[in-house]
Structure formats: structure tokens, C-alpha cells
């Protein structure tokens, strides 16, 4: 647990906090001791002022009496007073020798039977014709400073231990989440694509990664399901044409004339061409579904594409006694973002699907409106439509509305539509046009289509 990045980060934070606490503690110690030293000086100065008052009231005798009284009543280890002649001869007090300085300094009192030698802060000066010394130990300053240092040391130890404990707990929790992630990926690698990572309400980085991975797993599950369904559909749907090819080859082998052989082989060639077209379409759908390349994606004008398609398909649908028209938008429409050729293929498939199944006399309408920052395209026909219970199934590969009929086409047109729409993060919905069918393609804005790494 102590080798994880979370623990190392927390250890670094703890070291920084301890360093900051040490610097702050040093500043506090200096300020506290300085303040206490100033108080000590003020206390000594007050006693010195009292001695001056005694000198003013009673002269030398009053000073001597005050010093003798102060020496007797004040705590001897902490206070000291001395009265000396201007020559330095002792007159009164518990200081034996006159100091060699005036104003502020330190003096050392010798050890006695009751007290050890001690150093005192002293103030010396002339009062009248005498040298007066007032001194006091700095024990309170030292004790308070040591107490501050001890409190800071304990606080630093608590901070360090708390930081290490929090780092260990966080690292342990991160390791558990990473372990779950590893187990999930191992399970996916073993073939279980239904497993998902848990996402908590904390919405931290692990939850963000879990959501991203779950999204990719959902996408993988969709692709795997599509792949399975496609494989089954391919096997089922290619069985019939391959059987026809086999029968045609057997018939050609038993034909009596070269003309008959050529006729059967031509039919075999046609069947093989249809098989090739089917396989090419399947491969193209697979490439679209598995690719995330957005190099060919760009902004383009959807209304002009729809107008061009309506004009292109007009003679085609007239041959089938149908009509097609484009309804221009009445309000501005945002540019479409995507692979222009892919999206054009999608719309071509929708139009061809409408012309194939709407029947003679049907009217096909192309339109575009503004959606959520991107165009919404609709392809509407007046044909028989699609029952509501089959509107999801029509996007499956090789699906046919009437499988018992020998319908033309591969059954992959709408599967291609779905693949291209998914590739562009777009949605395709089928609704009743009363009469007929309306297919809506809601494109997504560029910010939603681009991969996460390419978004601004």
C-alpha cells in the first residue's frame, strides 16, 4: 500500500505540512520569547522606578531599606537586588559584586547550598551617588519557550502520523478500486462482456474512469452482439445463394449443349457478383463500426446536400411512377459535422429504401430542421410504412419485412444506415407518417462527435 502513487502524494503533502509547521513554529517561538523578554524587562524597569521613588522620598537610607526589603520578600532564586557605592563597594542586597556595565546586561550569581549558579537579566544604573542593580531570571521565558516548542513538536508529530494514516487509507482504497478494475478487465478478456465497474456517488477520478470504461464496455457489448447477429445472419443468408450456385453448377455439369452450360455459368456469375456485393457491404459496415478516425470529418451544408439528392433521384423515381421533392428550411440550420461521403451514403440508402418499398404513386419528401445545435434530417414516404413492433428489427443485418418473398436487395441498407449514424453519434428514429413512414436522422454537434482527446 505504501508504494502507490496516492500514498507517495500524501507523504509529500505531509512533508510539506511538517516543513511549514516547523517554519511557523520557529516564528511563533521567536515572537513569544521576544514578547516575554519585553515583559521581563518591563517588570525590572518597574522595580528600578520604585527604587528611584525611594531615593526621592528618603535618600540613600530609603534606597537601602527598599533593597533590603525586596531582597527579603522577593523569591531569591528569581529576583536579585544590589546597592553599591560609585566605587563598586557593596552596601545592601543579595548581589555581592557590582556589574561591569550600565543599562542592560546579564549577571551570574554563584551557587549556594540551596540554589545552583544562575544567570539573570539585569539593569544597572546610578541613582544619586550609588549604583543600583535590579535583576531577574528568565526562567518563565525559557519555560514558556520550551512549552511552545513541545506543543509544536507534538502538533508536528500528530500531523505527520495523521498524514501517513490518511495516505495509507487512501492508498488502500485506491488499490482496491484498481484491483476491481484489473479484475473487471480480466473478466472482459476472458469473454464476460456483461461485467461493469461500480460508480460511487463521490464522483472522483476513479468514478470518472469507471464511467468511461463502462461506456467503452457498453460499446464493446453492442459491437459483439452486432457481430454475433451479423455472423449468424451471414451464415443463414448466404446459405441460399450458395445452394443456388451449387445447384446451377451441378445442372451445368449435366447440360447437353455448350449454350446451356454457358447460360448456367452466367447465372452462377450473377449469383457470385451478388455474393461479392453482399460481402463488400458487410466489410464496409464492419469498418465503419470499428473505426474512430475523424480525419475526414468536417462541417458542411446539409440543405444543399438534400437539394442535390432530390435532383439526382428525380428521374429515377419518375421511372417508378413516384415523386421526390425537397422542402427547404424556413429558419437557419446549423452546419452538419461528419464524413460527408458517409452521410450522403446514409441518405441514399434511406431514399432507395423508400423508393423500393413505398410502391407506385408514392411521394418522397426530404426536409431538414434545426435540432440541438445540429441538423435533423427527415425522409418521408407515403407507402405502407413499417409496423411499430418491427421498427427496431429493420436495422438488423439481412432483415426483410417479408422473408417468404424473394425480395431484391441484400437486407443491409438500413444496417449501413445504423452503422453510419452510430459512427457519427447520431440517432435514427422511425415514426408513422400517416400514411407512410418518416425516418428522422438527428445529427450531433461537433463537440459530441469528436473523441475526448480532440475536444476543446
Protein backbone atom coordinates (compact mmCIF):
# COMPACT_ATOMS: atom_id res chain seq x y z
CA UNK A 1 0.00 0.00 0.00
CA UNK A 2 2.95 2.35 0.68
CA UNK A 3 4.25 2.05 -2.89
CA UNK A 4 1.18 3.54 -4.54
CA UNK A 5 1.08 6.96 -6.11
CA UNK A 6 -1.67 8.05 -3.69
CA UNK A 7 0.48 7.23 -0.65
CA UNK A 8 3.54 8.93 -2.13
CA UNK A 9 1.50 12.03 -2.91
CA UNK A 10 0.09 12.13 0.61
CA UNK A 11 3.61 11.59 2.03
CA UNK A 12 4.84 14.57 0.02
CA UNK A 13 1.92 16.67 1.26
CA UNK A 14 2.70 15.58 4.84
CA UNK A 15 6.36 16.54 4.49
CA UNK A 16 5.36 19.93 3.12
CA UNK A 17 2.92 20.45 6.02
CA UNK A 18 5.57 19.45 8.58
CA UNK A 19 8.06 21.83 6.95
CA UNK A 20 5.51 24.66 7.00
CA UNK A 21 4.63 23.85 10.61
CA UNK A 22 8.34 23.89 11.54
CA UNK A 23 8.88 27.30 9.95
CA UNK A 24 5.68 28.67 11.52
CA UNK A 25 6.70 27.18 14.88
CA UNK A 26 10.10 28.86 14.72
CA UNK A 27 8.42 32.18 14.04
CA UNK A 28 5.96 31.65 16.90
CA UNK A 29 8.83 30.70 19.27
CA UNK A 30 10.78 33.81 18.36
CA UNK A 31 7.74 36.06 18.76
CA UNK A 32 6.67 34.50 22.08
CA UNK A 33 10.13 34.61 23.65
CA UNK A 34 10.63 38.16 22.42
CA UNK A 35 7.31 39.23 23.93
CA UNK A 36 8.09 37.54 27.26
CA UNK A 37 11.56 39.10 27.33
CA UNK A 38 9.98 42.51 26.84
CA UNK A 39 7.60 41.82 29.73
CA UNK A 40 10.59 40.78 31.87
CA UNK A 41 12.40 43.99 31.03
CA UNK A 42 9.24 45.99 31.85
CA UNK A 43 8.98 44.26 35.24
CA UNK A 44 12.65 45.03 36.03
CA UNK A 45 12.15 48.62 34.90
CA UNK A 46 9.16 48.97 37.26
CA UNK A 47 11.29 47.88 40.25
CA UNK A 48 14.01 50.31 39.18
CA UNK A 49 11.43 53.11 39.11
CA UNK A 50 10.30 52.18 42.64
CA UNK A 51 13.89 52.44 43.86
CA UNK A 52 14.15 55.89 42.27
CA UNK A 53 10.96 56.87 44.15
CA UNK A 54 12.52 55.63 47.41
CA UNK A 55 15.61 57.74 46.67
CA UNK A 56 13.44 60.78 46.07
CA UNK A 57 11.48 60.26 49.32
CA UNK A 58 14.16 59.14 51.80
CA UNK A 59 17.52 59.39 50.09
CA UNK A 60 20.21 56.73 50.50
CA UNK A 61 18.57 55.29 53.61
CA UNK A 62 15.26 54.81 51.77
CA UNK A 63 17.00 53.06 48.86
CA UNK A 64 18.85 50.71 51.22
CA UNK A 65 15.66 49.90 53.13
CA UNK A 66 13.74 49.15 49.88
CA UNK A 67 16.52 46.91 48.55
CA UNK A 68 16.80 45.01 51.84
CA UNK A 69 13.03 44.63 51.97
CA UNK A 70 12.84 43.49 48.31
CA UNK A 71 15.72 41.05 48.77
CA UNK A 72 14.00 39.55 51.80
CA UNK A 73 10.47 39.33 50.40
CA UNK A 74 11.01 38.50 46.71
CA UNK A 75 11.74 34.92 45.69
CA UNK A 76 15.51 34.68 45.98
CA UNK A 77 16.14 32.29 43.07
CA UNK A 78 14.24 34.55 40.69
CA UNK A 79 14.94 38.10 41.90
CA UNK A 80 18.15 39.90 42.92
CA UNK A 81 18.91 43.44 44.05
CA UNK A 82 22.14 45.22 44.80
CA UNK A 83 23.23 48.64 46.14
CA UNK A 84 26.85 49.71 45.67
CA UNK A 85 28.88 52.86 46.06
CA UNK A 86 30.03 54.62 42.96
CA UNK A 87 33.34 52.81 43.58
CA UNK A 88 31.60 49.45 43.48
CA UNK A 89 31.64 48.70 47.20
CA UNK A 90 28.75 46.56 48.48
CA UNK A 91 26.15 48.33 50.60
CA UNK A 92 22.94 46.21 50.51
CA UNK A 93 21.03 43.46 48.64
CA UNK A 94 21.75 39.88 47.62
CA UNK A 95 24.16 40.73 44.78
CA UNK A 96 27.74 40.66 46.09
CA UNK A 97 29.60 42.30 43.22
CA UNK A 98 28.75 45.36 41.18
CA UNK A 99 28.39 44.56 37.45
CA UNK A 100 30.83 45.92 34.94
CA UNK A 101 28.11 47.51 32.78
CA UNK A 102 25.39 50.09 32.88
CA UNK A 103 21.87 49.85 31.44
CA UNK A 104 21.01 46.25 30.39
CA UNK A 105 23.12 43.13 30.68
CA UNK A 106 23.37 39.76 32.39
CA UNK A 107 24.94 38.78 35.69
CA UNK A 108 25.75 35.38 37.13
CA UNK A 109 25.06 34.63 40.77
CA UNK A 110 27.29 31.98 42.30
CA UNK A 111 25.88 28.68 43.53
CA UNK A 112 24.89 28.26 47.16
CA UNK A 113 23.89 25.36 49.33
CA UNK A 114 20.27 25.81 48.26
CA UNK A 115 20.48 27.06 44.68
CA UNK A 116 22.76 26.38 41.71
CA UNK A 117 24.59 29.12 39.85
CA UNK A 118 22.18 31.08 37.73
CA UNK A 119 22.18 33.78 35.09
CA UNK A 120 19.89 36.79 35.42
CA UNK A 121 18.85 39.65 33.18
CA UNK A 122 19.91 42.84 34.97
CA UNK A 123 19.57 46.59 34.73
CA UNK A 124 22.30 48.71 36.35
CA UNK A 125 22.45 52.47 36.74
CA UNK A 126 23.23 55.39 39.04
CA UNK A 127 20.58 56.59 41.48
CA UNK A 128 22.06 59.53 43.30
CA UNK A 129 25.69 58.65 44.04
CA UNK A 130 25.10 54.91 44.18
CA UNK A 131 25.00 52.05 41.73
CA UNK A 132 21.70 50.19 41.85
CA UNK A 133 21.22 46.77 40.23
CA UNK A 134 17.86 45.10 39.66
CA UNK A 135 17.98 41.56 38.17
CA UNK A 136 15.59 38.75 37.44
CA UNK A 137 15.89 35.28 35.97
CA UNK A 138 14.38 34.45 32.58
CA UNK A 139 13.03 31.09 33.76
CA UNK A 140 9.50 31.99 32.68
CA UNK A 141 10.74 32.88 29.21
CA UNK A 142 12.63 29.61 28.95
CA UNK A 143 9.77 27.53 30.32
CA UNK A 144 7.22 29.16 28.03
CA UNK A 145 9.52 28.81 25.01
CA UNK A 146 10.13 25.16 25.78
CA UNK A 147 6.38 24.60 26.21
CA UNK A 148 5.75 26.20 22.82
CA UNK A 149 8.43 24.02 21.22
CA UNK A 150 6.98 20.90 22.85
CA UNK A 151 3.45 21.78 21.70
CA UNK A 152 4.70 22.40 18.14
CA UNK A 153 6.64 19.13 18.18
CA UNK A 154 3.54 17.24 19.31
CA UNK A 155 1.45 19.01 16.65
CA UNK A 156 4.04 18.13 14.00
CA UNK A 157 4.03 14.51 15.11
CA UNK A 158 0.23 14.41 15.01
CA UNK A 159 0.19 15.98 11.55
CA UNK A 160 2.82 13.54 10.30
CA UNK A 161 1.07 10.50 11.74
CA UNK A 162 -2.34 11.69 10.52
CA UNK A 163 -0.95 12.35 7.04
CA UNK A 164 0.65 8.91 6.86
CA UNK A 165 -2.55 7.28 8.14
CA UNK A 166 -4.74 9.17 5.67
CA UNK A 167 -2.26 8.37 2.89
CA UNK A 168 -2.32 4.69 3.80
CA UNK A 169 -6.13 4.61 3.92
CA UNK A 170 -6.42 6.50 0.63
CA UNK A 171 -3.79 4.28 -0.98
CA UNK A 172 -5.58 1.19 0.29
CA UNK A 173 -8.90 2.43 -1.13
CA UNK A 174 -7.23 3.29 -4.45
CA UNK A 175 -5.60 -0.14 -4.55
CA UNK A 176 -8.97 -1.80 -4.01
CA UNK A 177 -10.50 0.21 -6.85
CA UNK A 178 -7.56 -0.56 -9.14
CA UNK A 179 -7.86 -4.22 -8.18
CA UNK A 180 -11.56 -4.17 -9.12
CA UNK A 181 -10.61 -2.51 -12.38
CA UNK A 182 -8.00 -5.18 -13.08
CA UNK A 183 -10.43 -7.98 -12.23
CA UNK A 184 -13.08 -6.42 -14.47
CA UNK A 185 -10.67 -6.18 -17.39
CA UNK A 186 -9.51 -9.75 -16.77
CA UNK A 187 -13.14 -10.86 -16.80
CA UNK A 188 -13.70 -9.00 -20.07
CA UNK A 189 -10.57 -10.57 -21.52
CA UNK A 190 -11.97 -13.96 -20.51
CA UNK A 191 -15.11 -13.25 -22.54
CA UNK A 192 -17.53 -11.82 -19.97
CA UNK A 193 -18.53 -8.50 -21.57
CA UNK A 194 -21.54 -8.02 -19.28
CA UNK A 195 -19.45 -7.11 -16.22
CA UNK A 196 -19.30 -3.41 -15.25
CA UNK A 197 -17.33 -1.28 -12.79
CA UNK A 198 -19.21 0.21 -9.81
CA UNK A 199 -19.58 4.01 -9.75
CA UNK A 200 -19.94 5.74 -6.37
CA UNK A 201 -21.69 8.99 -5.55
CA UNK A 202 -18.37 10.70 -4.74
CA UNK A 203 -17.73 11.37 -8.44
CA UNK A 204 -13.94 11.24 -8.02
CA UNK A 205 -11.31 10.40 -10.63
CA UNK A 206 -11.87 6.68 -10.25
CA UNK A 207 -15.59 7.14 -10.83
CA UNK A 208 -14.82 9.19 -13.95
CA UNK A 209 -12.52 6.42 -15.25
CA UNK A 210 -15.11 3.78 -14.31
CA UNK A 211 -17.82 5.59 -16.26
CA UNK A 212 -15.55 5.92 -19.27
CA UNK A 213 -14.61 2.22 -19.14
CA UNK A 214 -18.26 1.22 -18.67
CA UNK A 215 -19.13 3.29 -21.71
CA UNK A 216 -16.47 1.50 -23.75
CA UNK A 217 -17.70 -1.85 -22.43
CA UNK A 218 -21.26 -0.94 -23.45
CA UNK A 219 -19.96 -0.09 -26.89
CA UNK A 220 -17.98 -3.34 -26.98
CA UNK A 221 -21.08 -5.31 -25.94
CA UNK A 222 -23.06 -3.67 -28.74
CA UNK A 223 -20.34 -4.46 -31.26
CA UNK A 224 -20.05 -8.06 -30.04
CA UNK A 225 -23.83 -8.53 -30.20
CA UNK A 226 -23.89 -6.98 -33.64
CA UNK A 227 -21.01 -9.20 -34.68
CA UNK A 228 -22.76 -12.33 -33.44
CA UNK A 229 -26.02 -11.39 -35.08
CA UNK A 230 -24.21 -10.50 -38.28
CA UNK A 231 -22.29 -13.77 -38.31
CA UNK A 232 -25.49 -15.74 -37.77
CA UNK A 233 -27.32 -13.70 -40.38
CA UNK A 234 -24.45 -14.10 -42.87
CA UNK A 235 -24.36 -17.84 -42.38
CA UNK A 236 -28.13 -18.07 -42.77
CA UNK A 237 -28.47 -15.59 -45.61
CA UNK A 238 -25.55 -16.86 -47.68
CA UNK A 239 -26.74 -20.44 -47.44
CA UNK A 240 -29.49 -19.94 -50.01
CA UNK A 241 -27.36 -18.29 -52.75
CA UNK A 242 -24.57 -20.80 -52.21
CA UNK A 243 -27.08 -23.62 -52.57
CA UNK A 244 -28.30 -22.00 -55.77
CA UNK A 245 -24.73 -21.78 -57.04
CA UNK A 246 -24.18 -25.44 -56.20
CA UNK A 247 -27.38 -26.47 -58.00
CA UNK A 248 -26.50 -24.33 -61.03
CA UNK A 249 -23.03 -25.86 -61.21
CA UNK A 250 -24.46 -29.38 -60.99
CA UNK A 251 -27.00 -28.50 -63.66
CA UNK A 252 -24.30 -27.01 -65.86
CA UNK A 253 -22.24 -30.18 -65.46
CA UNK A 254 -25.12 -32.28 -66.74
CA UNK A 255 -26.14 -29.89 -69.53
CA UNK A 256 -26.24 -31.38 -73.00
CA UNK A 257 -25.15 -28.36 -75.06
CA UNK A 258 -22.46 -25.66 -74.68
CA UNK A 259 -25.15 -22.99 -74.86
CA UNK A 260 -26.91 -24.42 -71.82
CA UNK A 261 -23.62 -24.66 -69.95
CA UNK A 262 -22.86 -21.02 -70.76
CA UNK A 263 -26.33 -19.98 -69.61
CA UNK A 264 -25.98 -21.74 -66.27
CA UNK A 265 -22.45 -20.41 -65.75
CA UNK A 266 -23.69 -16.89 -66.44
CA UNK A 267 -26.31 -17.36 -63.73
CA UNK A 268 -23.55 -18.63 -61.42
CA UNK A 269 -21.56 -15.49 -62.25
CA UNK A 270 -24.52 -13.28 -61.37
CA UNK A 271 -25.02 -15.10 -58.07
CA UNK A 272 -21.34 -14.71 -57.24
CA UNK A 273 -21.47 -10.99 -58.05
CA UNK A 274 -24.37 -10.58 -55.65
CA UNK A 275 -22.43 -12.52 -53.01
CA UNK A 276 -19.41 -10.29 -53.58
CA UNK A 277 -21.56 -7.16 -53.21
CA UNK A 278 -23.03 -8.54 -50.01
CA UNK A 279 -19.61 -9.34 -48.53
CA UNK A 280 -18.25 -5.94 -49.57
CA UNK A 281 -21.17 -4.26 -47.81
CA UNK A 282 -20.64 -6.36 -44.68
CA UNK A 283 -16.95 -5.46 -44.61
CA UNK A 284 -17.74 -1.80 -45.06
CA UNK A 285 -20.25 -1.85 -42.21
CA UNK A 286 -17.66 -3.59 -40.03
CA UNK A 287 -15.02 -0.97 -40.85
CA UNK A 288 -17.44 1.85 -40.08
CA UNK A 289 -18.45 0.33 -36.74
CA UNK A 290 -14.89 -0.36 -35.60
CA UNK A 291 -13.26 2.91 -36.69
CA UNK A 292 -12.90 6.06 -34.59
CA UNK A 293 -10.96 8.02 -37.19
CA UNK A 294 -12.36 11.54 -37.60
CA UNK A 295 -9.78 12.79 -40.13
CA UNK A 296 -12.44 13.08 -42.86
CA UNK A 297 -14.96 14.83 -40.59
CA UNK A 298 -15.74 18.45 -41.44
CA UNK A 299 -18.54 20.99 -41.38
CA UNK A 300 -20.77 21.14 -44.44
CA UNK A 301 -24.17 22.45 -45.54
CA UNK A 302 -26.87 19.81 -45.16
CA UNK A 303 -29.65 21.66 -47.07
CA UNK A 304 -27.52 21.82 -50.25
CA UNK A 305 -26.80 18.07 -50.00
CA UNK A 306 -30.52 17.28 -49.72
CA UNK A 307 -31.34 19.55 -52.66
CA UNK A 308 -28.70 17.77 -54.79
CA UNK A 309 -30.02 14.32 -53.80
CA UNK A 310 -33.60 15.27 -54.66
CA UNK A 311 -32.46 16.47 -58.06
CA UNK A 312 -30.36 13.34 -58.64
CA UNK A 313 -33.15 10.90 -57.71
CA UNK A 314 -35.93 12.74 -59.54
CA UNK A 315 -35.57 10.84 -62.87
CA UNK A 316 -35.07 7.55 -61.00
CA UNK A 317 -38.31 7.79 -59.05
CA UNK A 318 -40.24 9.05 -62.09
CA UNK A 319 -39.41 5.76 -63.82
CA UNK A 320 -41.15 4.02 -60.90
CA UNK A 321 -44.16 6.38 -61.09
CA UNK A 322 -43.10 8.10 -57.87
CA UNK A 323 -42.16 11.68 -56.97
CA UNK A 324 -39.49 13.23 -54.79
CA UNK A 325 -39.16 16.78 -53.51
CA UNK A 326 -37.01 18.76 -51.12
CA UNK A 327 -38.55 21.23 -48.65
CA UNK A 328 -36.06 23.97 -47.79
CA UNK A 329 -35.93 25.10 -44.12
CA UNK A 330 -37.62 28.39 -43.24
CA UNK A 331 -35.07 29.20 -40.49
CA UNK A 332 -31.26 28.90 -40.45
CA UNK A 333 -29.87 25.41 -39.82
CA UNK A 334 -26.54 24.69 -38.13
CA UNK A 335 -23.83 23.12 -40.32
CA UNK A 336 -23.62 19.34 -40.21
CA UNK A 337 -20.40 17.82 -38.88
CA UNK A 338 -19.16 14.47 -40.13
CA UNK A 339 -17.86 12.48 -43.08
CA UNK A 340 -19.78 13.99 -45.99
CA UNK A 341 -19.49 10.86 -48.18
CA UNK A 342 -20.68 8.56 -45.36
CA UNK A 343 -23.68 10.73 -44.54
CA UNK A 344 -24.54 11.03 -48.23
CA UNK A 345 -24.46 7.21 -48.46
CA UNK A 346 -26.77 7.05 -45.43
CA UNK A 347 -29.31 9.36 -47.10
CA UNK A 348 -29.02 7.50 -50.43
CA UNK A 349 -29.84 4.25 -48.61
CA UNK A 350 -32.88 5.84 -46.97
CA UNK A 351 -34.13 7.22 -50.30
CA UNK A 352 -33.53 3.90 -52.09
CA UNK A 353 -35.33 2.06 -49.30
CA UNK A 354 -38.30 4.42 -49.66
CA UNK A 355 -38.43 4.03 -53.46
CA UNK A 356 -38.16 0.23 -53.18
CA UNK A 357 -40.91 -0.34 -50.64
CA UNK A 358 -43.26 2.67 -50.92
CA UNK A 359 -44.79 1.36 -54.17
CA UNK A 360 -46.05 3.11 -57.31
CA UNK A 361 -47.54 6.57 -56.87
CA UNK A 362 -45.71 7.21 -53.61
CA UNK A 363 -44.37 10.67 -52.77
CA UNK A 364 -40.97 11.02 -51.08
CA UNK A 365 -40.11 14.20 -49.18
CA UNK A 366 -36.71 15.36 -47.93
CA UNK A 367 -36.53 18.05 -45.24
CA UNK A 368 -34.14 19.44 -42.63
CA UNK A 369 -34.74 21.43 -39.43
CA UNK A 370 -32.63 22.74 -36.58
CA UNK A 371 -32.02 20.35 -33.67
CA UNK A 372 -29.80 20.64 -30.58
CA UNK A 373 -27.03 22.57 -32.30
CA UNK A 374 -27.07 20.28 -35.35
CA UNK A 375 -29.42 19.45 -38.26
CA UNK A 376 -32.31 16.97 -38.05
CA UNK A 377 -32.98 15.36 -41.46
CA UNK A 378 -36.24 13.62 -42.32
CA UNK A 379 -37.05 11.28 -45.21
CA UNK A 380 -40.81 10.75 -45.53
CA UNK A 381 -42.76 8.49 -47.91
CA UNK A 382 -46.47 7.76 -48.41
CA UNK A 383 -46.04 3.99 -48.71
CA UNK A 384 -47.37 1.25 -46.42
CA UNK A 385 -44.90 2.11 -43.63
CA UNK A 386 -43.39 -0.29 -41.08
CA UNK A 387 -45.30 -1.78 -38.14
CA UNK A 388 -44.21 -0.37 -34.78
CA UNK A 389 -43.10 -3.78 -33.49
CA UNK A 390 -40.64 -4.19 -36.38
CA UNK A 391 -39.06 -0.72 -36.45
CA UNK A 392 -36.07 -1.74 -34.34
CA UNK A 393 -35.55 -5.02 -36.17
CA UNK A 394 -35.26 -3.41 -39.62
CA UNK A 395 -31.79 -2.15 -38.70
CA UNK A 396 -30.52 -5.70 -38.15
CA UNK A 397 -28.37 -7.09 -40.99
CA UNK A 398 -30.30 -9.17 -43.59
CA UNK A 399 -33.67 -8.34 -42.05
CA UNK A 400 -36.55 -8.43 -44.52
CA UNK A 401 -40.14 -7.44 -43.86
CA UNK A 402 -41.44 -10.41 -45.89
CA UNK A 403 -38.76 -13.11 -45.82
CA UNK A 404 -41.06 -15.56 -47.58
CA UNK A 405 -40.97 -13.33 -50.65
CA UNK A 406 -37.96 -13.28 -52.90
CA UNK A 407 -37.26 -9.60 -52.32
CA UNK A 408 -34.45 -7.88 -54.15
CA UNK A 409 -31.56 -6.40 -52.19
CA UNK A 410 -29.20 -7.69 -49.52
CA UNK A 411 -31.11 -6.57 -46.44
CA UNK A 412 -28.10 -4.46 -45.43
CA UNK A 413 -29.26 -0.98 -46.45
CA UNK A 414 -30.67 0.05 -43.09
CA UNK A 415 -27.86 -1.79 -41.27
CA UNK A 416 -25.48 0.51 -43.12
CA UNK A 417 -27.64 3.48 -42.09
CA UNK A 418 -27.44 2.43 -38.44
CA UNK A 419 -23.66 1.92 -38.60
CA UNK A 420 -23.01 5.35 -40.14
CA UNK A 421 -25.39 7.05 -37.69
CA UNK A 422 -23.70 5.37 -34.73
CA UNK A 423 -20.30 6.36 -36.12
CA UNK A 424 -21.49 10.00 -36.06
CA UNK A 425 -23.12 9.78 -32.59
CA UNK A 426 -26.43 10.43 -34.38
CA UNK A 427 -29.82 8.87 -33.72
CA UNK A 428 -32.20 7.35 -36.27
CA UNK A 429 -35.89 7.02 -35.42
CA UNK A 430 -38.81 5.63 -37.39
CA UNK A 431 -42.32 7.05 -36.99
CA UNK A 432 -45.70 6.72 -38.63
CA UNK A 433 -46.26 9.39 -41.32
CA UNK A 434 -49.98 8.52 -41.59
CA UNK A 435 -49.80 7.29 -44.24
CA UNK A 436 -46.29 6.02 -44.82
CA UNK A 437 -43.04 6.19 -42.89
CA UNK A 438 -40.92 9.09 -41.67
CA UNK A 439 -37.25 8.47 -40.88
CA UNK A 440 -35.55 11.13 -38.76
CA UNK A 441 -31.76 11.45 -38.54
CA UNK A 442 -30.74 13.70 -35.62
CA UNK A 443 -27.09 14.60 -36.03
CA UNK A 444 -24.86 15.52 -33.09
CA UNK A 445 -22.80 18.72 -32.76
CA UNK A 446 -19.06 18.58 -33.40
CA UNK A 447 -18.22 18.67 -29.66
CA UNK A 448 -20.11 15.41 -29.12
CA UNK A 449 -18.78 13.64 -32.23
CA UNK A 450 -15.07 14.26 -31.69
CA UNK A 451 -13.14 11.88 -29.38
CA UNK A 452 -12.39 13.14 -25.86
CA UNK A 453 -8.73 13.82 -26.74
CA UNK A 454 -9.69 16.17 -29.61
CA UNK A 455 -12.36 18.20 -27.82
CA UNK A 456 -11.54 21.80 -26.90
